[in-house]
C-alpha atoms as a PDB file:
ATOM      1  CA  ARG A   1      77.974  84.044  99.374  1.00  0.00           C
ATOM      2  CA  THR A   2      78.386  84.216 102.857  1.00  0.00           C
ATOM      3  CA  LEU A   3      80.600  87.664 102.498  1.00  0.00           C
ATOM      4  CA  ASN A   4      77.642  88.790 100.321  1.00  0.00           C
ATOM      5  CA  ASP A   5      75.313  87.803 103.087  1.00  0.00           C
ATOM      6  CA  PHE A   6      77.325  89.731 105.259  1.00  0.00           C
ATOM      7  CA  LEU A   7      77.117  92.669 103.800  1.00  0.00           C
ATOM      8  CA  ARG A   8      73.911  93.284 102.315  1.00  0.00           C
ATOM      9  CA  ALA A   9      72.958  93.296 106.596  1.00  0.00           C
ATOM     10  CA  GLN A  10      75.425  96.495 107.129  1.00  0.00           C
ATOM     11  CA  PRO A  11      74.601  99.700 106.990  1.00  0.00           C
ATOM     12  CA  GLU A  12      74.790 101.204 103.627  1.00  0.00           C
ATOM     13  CA  ASP A  13      78.103 103.863 104.556  1.00  0.00           C
ATOM     14  CA  ALA A  14      79.883 100.768 106.758  1.00  0.00           C
ATOM     15  CA  ARG A  15      79.694  98.318 103.279  1.00  0.00           C
ATOM     16  CA  ARG A  16      80.369 101.113 101.000  1.00  0.00           C
ATOM     17  CA  PHE A  17      83.923 102.001 102.826  1.00  0.00           C
ATOM     18  CA  PHE A  18      84.232  98.261 103.346  1.00  0.00           C
ATOM     19  CA  LEU A  19      83.966  97.478  99.752  1.00  0.00           C
ATOM     20  CA  ARG A  20      86.142 100.915  98.751  1.00  0.00           C
ATOM     21  CA  ARG A  21      89.090  99.510 101.077  1.00  0.00           C
ATOM     22  CA  TYR A  22      89.077  96.042 100.929  1.00  0.00           C
ATOM     23  CA  TRP A  23      87.811  95.240  97.641  1.00  0.00           C
ATOM     24  CA  TYR A  24      88.865  98.262  95.866  1.00  0.00           C
ATOM     25  CA  ALA A  25      92.251  98.179  97.600  1.00  0.00           C
ATOM     26  CA  GLU A  26      91.706 102.076  98.769  1.00  0.00           C
ATOM     27  CA  SER A  27      93.367 103.968 101.820  1.00  0.00           C
ATOM     28  CA  VAL A  28      91.636 105.346 104.038  1.00  0.00           C
ATOM     29  CA  ARG A  29      92.146 108.672 103.086  1.00  0.00           C
ATOM     30  CA  GLU A  30      90.833 107.908  99.682  1.00  0.00           C
ATOM     31  CA  VAL A  31      87.807 105.888 101.474  1.00  0.00           C
ATOM     32  CA  ALA A  32      87.305 109.084 103.277  1.00  0.00           C
ATOM     33  CA  GLU A  33      87.786 112.082 100.523  1.00  0.00           C
ATOM     34  CA  ALA A  34      85.496 109.975  98.281  1.00  0.00           C
ATOM     35  CA  CYS A  35      82.833 109.614 100.833  1.00  0.00           C
ATOM     36  CA  GLY A  36      83.040 113.261 102.083  1.00  0.00           C
ATOM     37  CA  VAL A  37      84.049 111.958 105.383  1.00  0.00           C
ATOM     38  CA  SER A  38      86.744 111.761 108.265  1.00  0.00           C
ATOM     39  CA  GLU A  39      89.386 109.573 108.123  1.00  0.00           C
ATOM     40  CA  SER A  40      88.627 108.282 111.965  1.00  0.00           C
ATOM     41  CA  LYS A  41      85.212 107.802 110.705  1.00  0.00           C
ATOM     42  CA  VAL A  42      86.179 105.888 108.127  1.00  0.00           C
ATOM     43  CA  LYS A  43      88.891 103.555 110.227  1.00  0.00           C
ATOM     44  CA  MET A  44      85.998 103.500 113.755  1.00  0.00           C
ATOM     45  CA  SER A  45      83.748 102.167 111.041  1.00  0.00           C
ATOM     46  CA  LEU A  46      86.020  99.438 109.701  1.00  0.00           C
ATOM     47  CA  HIS A  47      86.986  98.344 112.681  1.00  0.00           C
ATOM     48  CA  ARG A  48      83.332  97.632 113.671  1.00  0.00           C
ATOM     49  CA  THR A  49      82.961  96.389 110.577  1.00  0.00           C
ATOM     50  CA  ARG A  50      85.703  93.478 110.774  1.00  0.00           C
ATOM     51  CA  LYS A  51      84.756  92.557 114.614  1.00  0.00           C
ATOM     52  CA  LYS A  52      81.026  92.241 112.964  1.00  0.00           C
ATOM     53  CA  LEU A  53      82.309  89.834 110.370  1.00  0.00           C
ATOM     54  CA  ARG A  54      84.254  87.902 112.356  1.00  0.00           C
ATOM     55  CA  GLU A  55      81.453  87.662 114.860  1.00  0.00           C
ATOM     56  CA  PHE A  56      79.383  86.409 111.822  1.00  0.00           C
ATOM     57  CA  LEU A  57      82.099  83.998 110.560  1.00  0.00           C
ATOM     58  CA  GLN A  58      82.294  82.250 114.008  1.00  0.00           C
ATOM     59  CA  LYS A  59      78.527  81.811 113.825  1.00  0.00           C
ATOM     60  CA  GLU A  60      78.376  80.470 110.471  1.00  0.00           C
ATOM     61  CA  ARG A  61      81.332  78.619 111.684  1.00  0.00           C
ATOM     62  CA  LEU A  62      83.937  79.281 109.124  1.00  0.00           C
ATOM     63  CA  TRP A  63      86.016  80.820 111.839  1.00  0.00           C
ATOM     64  CA  GLN A  64      87.210  79.469 114.919  1.00  0.00           C
END
């Protein structure tokens, strides 16, 4: 539930990249090709989303 709450609050592109990469286990290249963006954009978005997720989980006291 917590992860769903976090993902719902993210921009559509970031959410799409995150789910394709970590739920469907697609490579960065596959995500980029499927979404019509550069690999660099996907990598940076994933980096930022992971950082936001870590902060969110710390706030929820689920990560130290």
